[in-house]
Amino acid sequence: MTRQMTALPAGPVLLRHVLGRLPLAAGRYGVASYLEPVPFADFERYADLGIVTGIYLITDIDRRVRWLGQASRDDDLVSRLADHWQDPAKRAVFTAVRVLHLRDHTPVAAVNAIEGKCADWLDLRSTMRPARVWPQATDWLTLVA
């Protein structure tokens, strides 16, 4: 029996020790970490926090990673999550969201490297490829130190 590739592959189960490490990826650009799961349907509660730039992690009901992404100056966090909410396939499997709040105007190269480092620590490159691709974290330490 061959396994079908879905548009929304399930990644690894989110483990507490890996989740706790993610704020380190933000380096000097980190403002706050919201690691307690917020129900995906309630993502608008982040609006009160005014997060423009950040990295977000979305899991399913089984705590498997379903999405790792970034919000930037062009579309703040709530707008970015609202885009995902519009997709019925995502709405059906996305259960919880967690956020790393980054400083506004964090350079794009640093945001990309932070997202890439999170993907590395979560082991997403080997578990969710080829369906999903993340930025490289090659210069991560230089960019965030």
N, C-alpha and C. Protein backbone atom coordinates (compact mmCIF):
# COMPACT_ATOMS: atom_id res chain seq x y z
N MET A 1 0.84 -1.18 0.00
CA MET A 1 0.00 0.00 0.00
C MET A 1 0.88 1.24 0.00
N THR A 2 0.67 2.14 -0.93
CA THR A 2 1.45 3.37 -0.98
C THR A 2 0.71 4.47 -0.24
N ARG A 3 1.47 5.33 0.37
CA ARG A 3 0.90 6.41 1.14
C ARG A 3 0.71 7.63 0.26
N GLN A 4 -0.46 8.21 0.28
CA GLN A 4 -0.77 9.40 -0.52
C GLN A 4 -0.15 10.64 0.12
N MET A 5 0.43 11.51 -0.68
CA MET A 5 0.95 12.78 -0.20
C MET A 5 -0.21 13.77 -0.18
N THR A 6 -0.44 14.38 0.95
CA THR A 6 -1.51 15.37 1.04
C THR A 6 -0.92 16.76 0.93
N ALA A 7 -1.77 17.72 0.65
CA ALA A 7 -1.32 19.11 0.58
C ALA A 7 -0.91 19.61 1.95
N LEU A 8 -1.43 18.98 2.99
CA LEU A 8 -1.10 19.38 4.36
C LEU A 8 -0.49 18.19 5.11
N PRO A 9 0.77 17.93 4.86
CA PRO A 9 1.39 16.78 5.50
C PRO A 9 1.49 16.99 7.01
N ALA A 10 1.45 15.89 7.72
CA ALA A 10 1.63 15.95 9.17
C ALA A 10 3.11 15.78 9.47
N GLY A 11 3.63 16.68 10.27
CA GLY A 11 5.02 16.59 10.70
C GLY A 11 5.13 15.81 11.99
N PRO A 12 6.24 15.98 12.68
CA PRO A 12 6.44 15.26 13.93
C PRO A 12 5.54 15.79 15.04
N VAL A 13 5.37 14.97 16.06
CA VAL A 13 4.66 15.40 17.26
C VAL A 13 5.52 16.48 17.93
N LEU A 14 4.88 17.54 18.33
CA LEU A 14 5.57 18.65 18.99
C LEU A 14 5.90 18.24 20.42
N LEU A 15 7.18 18.11 20.70
CA LEU A 15 7.64 17.71 22.03
C LEU A 15 7.98 18.96 22.86
N ARG A 16 7.70 18.88 24.15
CA ARG A 16 7.89 20.02 25.05
C ARG A 16 9.33 20.54 25.03
N HIS A 17 10.32 19.64 25.04
CA HIS A 17 11.71 20.11 25.09
C HIS A 17 12.11 20.83 23.79
N VAL A 18 11.54 20.45 22.68
CA VAL A 18 11.82 21.15 21.42
C VAL A 18 11.09 22.49 21.41
N LEU A 19 9.84 22.50 21.82
CA LEU A 19 9.07 23.74 21.89
C LEU A 19 9.77 24.76 22.78
N GLY A 20 10.28 24.32 23.92
CA GLY A 20 10.96 25.23 24.84
C GLY A 20 12.24 25.83 24.28
N ARG A 21 12.81 25.19 23.32
CA ARG A 21 14.05 25.68 22.70
C ARG A 21 13.79 26.77 21.64
N LEU A 22 12.60 26.77 21.04
CA LEU A 22 12.32 27.66 19.92
C LEU A 22 12.55 29.15 20.21
N PRO A 23 12.23 29.68 21.40
CA PRO A 23 12.49 31.11 21.63
C PRO A 23 13.96 31.49 21.44
N LEU A 24 14.87 30.56 21.62
CA LEU A 24 16.30 30.84 21.42
C LEU A 24 16.59 31.19 19.96
N ALA A 25 15.77 30.68 19.05
CA ALA A 25 15.98 30.94 17.63
C ALA A 25 15.84 32.42 17.30
N ALA A 26 15.03 33.15 18.08
CA ALA A 26 14.78 34.57 17.80
C ALA A 26 15.98 35.45 18.10
N GLY A 27 16.86 34.99 18.95
CA GLY A 27 18.04 35.79 19.30
C GLY A 27 17.66 37.18 19.76
N ARG A 28 18.43 38.17 19.29
CA ARG A 28 18.20 39.57 19.73
C ARG A 28 16.88 40.15 19.22
N TYR A 29 16.22 39.47 18.31
CA TYR A 29 14.97 39.99 17.76
C TYR A 29 13.73 39.52 18.52
N GLY A 30 13.93 38.65 19.50
CA GLY A 30 12.80 38.13 20.25
C GLY A 30 12.17 39.17 21.16
N VAL A 31 10.86 39.27 21.12
CA VAL A 31 10.10 40.16 22.00
C VAL A 31 9.41 39.33 23.07
N ALA A 32 8.70 38.30 22.65
CA ALA A 32 7.96 37.43 23.57
C ALA A 32 7.69 36.10 22.88
N SER A 33 7.45 35.10 23.70
CA SER A 33 7.09 33.77 23.19
C SER A 33 5.74 33.39 23.77
N TYR A 34 4.84 33.03 22.90
CA TYR A 34 3.51 32.58 23.30
C TYR A 34 3.42 31.10 22.96
N LEU A 35 3.92 30.27 23.88
CA LEU A 35 4.07 28.85 23.61
C LEU A 35 2.89 28.01 24.10
N GLU A 36 2.04 28.59 24.92
CA GLU A 36 0.82 27.88 25.31
C GLU A 36 -0.09 27.85 24.09
N PRO A 37 -0.67 26.70 23.79
CA PRO A 37 -1.49 26.61 22.57
C PRO A 37 -2.75 27.47 22.66
N VAL A 38 -2.97 28.23 21.62
CA VAL A 38 -4.21 28.99 21.46
C VAL A 38 -5.03 28.25 20.40
N PRO A 39 -6.30 27.98 20.67
CA PRO A 39 -7.11 27.32 19.65
C PRO A 39 -7.04 28.10 18.33
N PHE A 40 -6.81 27.39 17.25
CA PHE A 40 -6.67 28.07 15.96
C PHE A 40 -7.88 28.93 15.64
N ALA A 41 -9.06 28.48 16.00
CA ALA A 41 -10.27 29.25 15.74
C ALA A 41 -10.28 30.58 16.50
N ASP A 42 -9.45 30.70 17.53
CA ASP A 42 -9.37 31.93 18.33
C ASP A 42 -8.14 32.76 18.01
N PHE A 43 -7.55 32.57 16.83
CA PHE A 43 -6.31 33.26 16.49
C PHE A 43 -6.42 34.78 16.61
N GLU A 44 -7.61 35.34 16.48
CA GLU A 44 -7.76 36.80 16.52
C GLU A 44 -7.42 37.40 17.88
N ARG A 45 -7.32 36.55 18.92
CA ARG A 45 -6.93 37.08 20.22
C ARG A 45 -5.52 37.68 20.19
N TYR A 46 -4.72 37.29 19.21
CA TYR A 46 -3.38 37.89 19.06
C TYR A 46 -3.45 39.34 18.61
N ALA A 47 -4.60 39.78 18.10
CA ALA A 47 -4.73 41.17 17.62
C ALA A 47 -4.43 42.17 18.73
N ASP A 48 -4.82 41.87 19.95
CA ASP A 48 -4.57 42.78 21.07
C ASP A 48 -3.09 42.96 21.38
N LEU A 49 -2.27 42.02 20.91
CA LEU A 49 -0.83 42.08 21.18
C LEU A 49 -0.08 42.90 20.13
N GLY A 50 -0.73 43.20 19.02
CA GLY A 50 -0.11 44.04 17.99
C GLY A 50 1.13 43.42 17.35
N ILE A 51 1.10 42.13 17.13
CA ILE A 51 2.27 41.45 16.56
C ILE A 51 2.28 41.66 15.05
N VAL A 52 3.29 42.35 14.59
CA VAL A 52 3.47 42.57 13.16
C VAL A 52 4.39 41.49 12.59
N THR A 53 5.49 41.24 13.27
CA THR A 53 6.49 40.30 12.77
C THR A 53 6.62 39.14 13.75
N GLY A 54 6.60 37.93 13.22
CA GLY A 54 6.73 36.77 14.09
C GLY A 54 6.79 35.47 13.32
N ILE A 55 7.06 34.43 14.07
CA ILE A 55 7.06 33.06 13.55
C ILE A 55 5.91 32.36 14.24
N TYR A 56 5.12 31.61 13.48
CA TYR A 56 4.01 30.90 14.10
C TYR A 56 4.09 29.42 13.76
N LEU A 57 3.61 28.63 14.70
CA LEU A 57 3.65 27.18 14.61
C LEU A 57 2.24 26.67 14.84
N ILE A 58 1.75 25.86 13.91
CA ILE A 58 0.39 25.34 14.02
C ILE A 58 0.44 23.82 14.09
N THR A 59 -0.33 23.29 15.05
CA THR A 59 -0.39 21.85 15.24
C THR A 59 -1.83 21.36 15.08
N ASP A 60 -1.94 20.04 14.95
CA ASP A 60 -3.27 19.43 14.84
C ASP A 60 -3.69 18.86 16.20
N ILE A 61 -4.79 18.16 16.22
CA ILE A 61 -5.33 17.64 17.47
C ILE A 61 -4.39 16.64 18.15
N ASP A 62 -3.52 16.00 17.38
CA ASP A 62 -2.56 15.04 17.92
C ASP A 62 -1.20 15.67 18.23
N ARG A 63 -1.14 17.01 18.24
CA ARG A 63 0.08 17.79 18.50
C ARG A 63 1.16 17.58 17.42
N ARG A 64 0.75 17.16 16.23
CA ARG A 64 1.70 17.05 15.12
C ARG A 64 1.80 18.41 14.45
N VAL A 65 3.01 18.77 14.08
CA VAL A 65 3.22 20.04 13.40
C VAL A 65 2.57 19.96 12.03
N ARG A 66 1.76 20.97 11.72
CA ARG A 66 1.11 21.06 10.42
C ARG A 66 1.59 22.25 9.62
N TRP A 67 2.10 23.28 10.31
CA TRP A 67 2.55 24.47 9.59
C TRP A 67 3.54 25.24 10.45
N LEU A 68 4.56 25.73 9.83
CA LEU A 68 5.50 26.68 10.43
C LEU A 68 5.63 27.80 9.42
N GLY A 69 5.35 29.02 9.84
CA GLY A 69 5.38 30.13 8.90
C GLY A 69 5.81 31.41 9.57
N GLN A 70 5.78 32.49 8.80
CA GLN A 70 6.20 33.79 9.30
C GLN A 70 5.21 34.86 8.89
N ALA A 71 5.13 35.86 9.73
CA ALA A 71 4.35 37.06 9.43
C ALA A 71 5.37 38.18 9.35
N SER A 72 5.09 39.15 8.48
CA SER A 72 6.06 40.23 8.28
C SER A 72 5.35 41.57 8.20
N ARG A 73 6.10 42.59 7.89
CA ARG A 73 5.54 43.94 7.81
C ARG A 73 4.44 44.04 6.76
N ASP A 74 4.48 43.22 5.71
CA ASP A 74 3.48 43.29 4.65
C ASP A 74 2.13 42.73 5.08
N ASP A 75 2.16 41.75 5.98
CA ASP A 75 0.91 41.18 6.50
C ASP A 75 1.18 40.76 7.94
N ASP A 76 0.56 41.45 8.88
CA ASP A 76 0.84 41.17 10.28
C ASP A 76 0.36 39.77 10.65
N LEU A 77 0.62 39.36 11.87
CA LEU A 77 0.32 38.00 12.29
C LEU A 77 -1.15 37.63 12.11
N VAL A 78 -2.04 38.47 12.60
CA VAL A 78 -3.46 38.13 12.51
C VAL A 78 -3.91 38.04 11.06
N SER A 79 -3.43 38.93 10.21
CA SER A 79 -3.78 38.85 8.78
C SER A 79 -3.27 37.56 8.15
N ARG A 80 -2.07 37.18 8.53
CA ARG A 80 -1.48 35.95 7.98
C ARG A 80 -2.29 34.72 8.43
N LEU A 81 -2.64 34.69 9.72
CA LEU A 81 -3.43 33.56 10.22
C LEU A 81 -4.83 33.56 9.62
N ALA A 82 -5.39 34.74 9.37
CA ALA A 82 -6.70 34.83 8.72
C ALA A 82 -6.65 34.23 7.31
N ASP A 83 -5.52 34.41 6.62
CA ASP A 83 -5.36 33.79 5.29
C ASP A 83 -5.49 32.27 5.40
N HIS A 84 -4.84 31.70 6.42
CA HIS A 84 -4.94 30.26 6.62
C HIS A 84 -6.37 29.84 6.96
N TRP A 85 -7.04 30.66 7.76
CA TRP A 85 -8.42 30.35 8.19
C TRP A 85 -9.36 30.24 6.99
N GLN A 86 -9.07 30.96 5.93
CA GLN A 86 -9.92 30.94 4.74
C GLN A 86 -9.84 29.63 3.98
N ASP A 87 -8.83 28.83 4.22
CA ASP A 87 -8.63 27.57 3.51
C ASP A 87 -9.34 26.44 4.28
N PRO A 88 -10.39 25.86 3.70
CA PRO A 88 -11.14 24.81 4.41
C PRO A 88 -10.29 23.60 4.82
N ALA A 89 -9.32 23.23 4.00
CA ALA A 89 -8.46 22.08 4.33
C ALA A 89 -7.63 22.38 5.57
N LYS A 90 -7.12 23.60 5.67
CA LYS A 90 -6.34 23.98 6.85
C LYS A 90 -7.24 24.10 8.08
N ARG A 91 -8.38 24.71 7.89
CA ARG A 91 -9.32 24.88 9.01
C ARG A 91 -9.72 23.52 9.59
N ALA A 92 -9.78 22.52 8.74
CA ALA A 92 -10.20 21.18 9.18
C ALA A 92 -9.16 20.49 10.06
N VAL A 93 -7.88 20.80 9.87
CA VAL A 93 -6.83 20.09 10.63
C VAL A 93 -6.06 20.97 11.61
N PHE A 94 -6.04 22.28 11.40
CA PHE A 94 -5.29 23.17 12.30
C PHE A 94 -6.07 23.29 13.61
N THR A 95 -5.42 22.96 14.71
CA THR A 95 -6.07 22.97 16.01
C THR A 95 -5.52 24.06 16.93
N ALA A 96 -4.20 24.21 16.98
CA ALA A 96 -3.59 25.14 17.92
C ALA A 96 -2.47 25.92 17.25
N VAL A 97 -2.28 27.14 17.72
CA VAL A 97 -1.21 27.99 17.20
C VAL A 97 -0.38 28.52 18.36
N ARG A 98 0.92 28.64 18.10
CA ARG A 98 1.88 29.21 19.05
C ARG A 98 2.71 30.22 18.28
N VAL A 99 3.24 31.22 18.99
CA VAL A 99 3.88 32.34 18.29
C VAL A 99 5.18 32.78 18.97
N LEU A 100 6.17 33.08 18.14
CA LEU A 100 7.36 33.80 18.58
C LEU A 100 7.21 35.23 18.05
N HIS A 101 7.04 36.17 18.95
CA HIS A 101 6.89 37.58 18.57
C HIS A 101 8.28 38.16 18.35
N LEU A 102 8.51 38.69 17.16
CA LEU A 102 9.79 39.31 16.82
C LEU A 102 9.61 40.82 16.75
N ARG A 103 10.72 41.52 16.93
CA ARG A 103 10.67 42.99 16.85
C ARG A 103 10.17 43.42 15.48
N ASP A 104 9.36 44.48 15.48
CA ASP A 104 8.96 45.08 14.21
C ASP A 104 10.22 45.48 13.46
N HIS A 105 10.17 45.37 12.16
CA HIS A 105 11.27 45.74 11.27
C HIS A 105 12.49 44.84 11.44
N THR A 106 12.27 43.62 11.93
CA THR A 106 13.35 42.63 11.91
C THR A 106 13.71 42.42 10.45
N PRO A 107 15.00 42.48 10.11
CA PRO A 107 15.38 42.29 8.70
C PRO A 107 14.86 40.96 8.14
N VAL A 108 14.44 41.00 6.89
CA VAL A 108 13.88 39.81 6.24
C VAL A 108 14.85 38.63 6.32
N ALA A 109 16.13 38.87 6.13
CA ALA A 109 17.11 37.78 6.19
C ALA A 109 17.10 37.13 7.57
N ALA A 110 16.95 37.94 8.62
CA ALA A 110 16.90 37.39 9.98
C ALA A 110 15.61 36.61 10.21
N VAL A 111 14.48 37.13 9.75
CA VAL A 111 13.20 36.41 9.90
C VAL A 111 13.29 35.05 9.19
N ASN A 112 13.84 35.06 8.00
CA ASN A 112 14.00 33.81 7.25
C ASN A 112 14.90 32.83 8.00
N ALA A 113 16.01 33.33 8.53
CA ALA A 113 16.94 32.45 9.25
C ALA A 113 16.31 31.91 10.53
N ILE A 114 15.52 32.73 11.23
CA ILE A 114 14.84 32.28 12.45
C ILE A 114 13.84 31.19 12.10
N GLU A 115 13.05 31.41 11.07
CA GLU A 115 12.10 30.38 10.64
C GLU A 115 12.85 29.10 10.25
N GLY A 116 13.94 29.25 9.52
CA GLY A 116 14.74 28.10 9.12
C GLY A 116 15.31 27.34 10.30
N LYS A 117 15.78 28.06 11.31
CA LYS A 117 16.33 27.42 12.51
C LYS A 117 15.23 26.66 13.25
N CYS A 118 14.05 27.25 13.34
CA CYS A 118 12.92 26.55 13.96
C CYS A 118 12.60 25.27 13.19
N ALA A 119 12.59 25.35 11.87
CA ALA A 119 12.32 24.16 11.04
C ALA A 119 13.37 23.08 11.31
N ASP A 120 14.63 23.50 11.45
CA ASP A 120 15.70 22.53 11.73
C ASP A 120 15.49 21.87 13.09
N TRP A 121 15.24 22.68 14.12
CA TRP A 121 15.07 22.13 15.46
C TRP A 121 13.83 21.24 15.57
N LEU A 122 12.81 21.55 14.80
CA LEU A 122 11.60 20.74 14.79
C LEU A 122 11.73 19.52 13.87
N ASP A 123 12.83 19.42 13.13
CA ASP A 123 13.09 18.34 12.19
C ASP A 123 12.04 18.28 11.08
N LEU A 124 11.64 19.45 10.61
CA LEU A 124 10.61 19.51 9.57
C LEU A 124 11.15 19.23 8.18
N ARG A 125 12.40 19.54 7.95
CA ARG A 125 12.96 19.34 6.60
C ARG A 125 12.93 17.87 6.19
N SER A 126 13.13 16.99 7.14
CA SER A 126 13.13 15.56 6.78
C SER A 126 11.74 14.94 6.87
N THR A 127 10.85 15.50 7.68
CA THR A 127 9.55 14.88 7.87
C THR A 127 8.45 15.45 7.00
N MET A 128 8.59 16.68 6.51
CA MET A 128 7.50 17.30 5.75
C MET A 128 7.88 17.63 4.30
N ARG A 129 9.04 17.20 3.88
CA ARG A 129 9.45 17.42 2.50
C ARG A 129 8.88 16.34 1.63
N PRO A 130 8.59 16.55 0.40
CA PRO A 130 8.80 17.75 -0.40
C PRO A 130 7.62 18.72 -0.37
N ALA A 131 6.58 18.37 0.37
CA ALA A 131 5.39 19.21 0.36
C ALA A 131 5.63 20.61 0.91
N ARG A 132 6.54 20.77 1.84
CA ARG A 132 6.82 22.08 2.43
C ARG A 132 8.33 22.34 2.40
N VAL A 133 8.69 23.57 2.21
CA VAL A 133 10.10 23.98 2.19
C VAL A 133 10.23 25.23 3.05
N TRP A 134 11.32 25.30 3.80
CA TRP A 134 11.57 26.47 4.66
C TRP A 134 12.88 27.12 4.27
N PRO A 135 13.03 28.41 4.65
CA PRO A 135 14.29 29.10 4.37
C PRO A 135 15.46 28.41 5.07
N GLN A 136 16.62 28.56 4.51
CA GLN A 136 17.83 28.01 5.13
C GLN A 136 18.21 28.82 6.36
N ALA A 137 18.89 28.19 7.28
CA ALA A 137 19.34 28.85 8.51
C ALA A 137 20.85 28.96 8.54
N THR A 138 21.48 28.92 7.38
CA THR A 138 22.93 28.88 7.28
C THR A 138 23.61 29.99 8.07
N ASP A 139 23.17 31.23 7.95
CA ASP A 139 23.79 32.37 8.64
C ASP A 139 23.01 32.79 9.88
N TRP A 140 22.22 31.88 10.42
CA TRP A 140 21.34 32.20 11.53
C TRP A 140 22.08 32.89 12.69
N LEU A 141 23.15 32.30 13.19
CA LEU A 141 23.82 32.86 14.35
C LEU A 141 24.38 34.25 14.09
N THR A 142 24.94 34.46 12.92
CA THR A 142 25.46 35.77 12.55
C THR A 142 24.34 36.81 12.49
N LEU A 143 23.20 36.40 12.00
CA LEU A 143 22.07 37.33 11.82
C LEU A 143 21.34 37.68 13.11
N VAL A 144 21.30 36.77 14.07
CA VAL A 144 20.49 37.01 15.27
C VAL A 144 21.30 37.31 16.54
N ALA A 145 22.60 37.09 16.48
CA ALA A 145 23.43 37.31 17.69
C ALA A 145 23.55 38.77 18.04
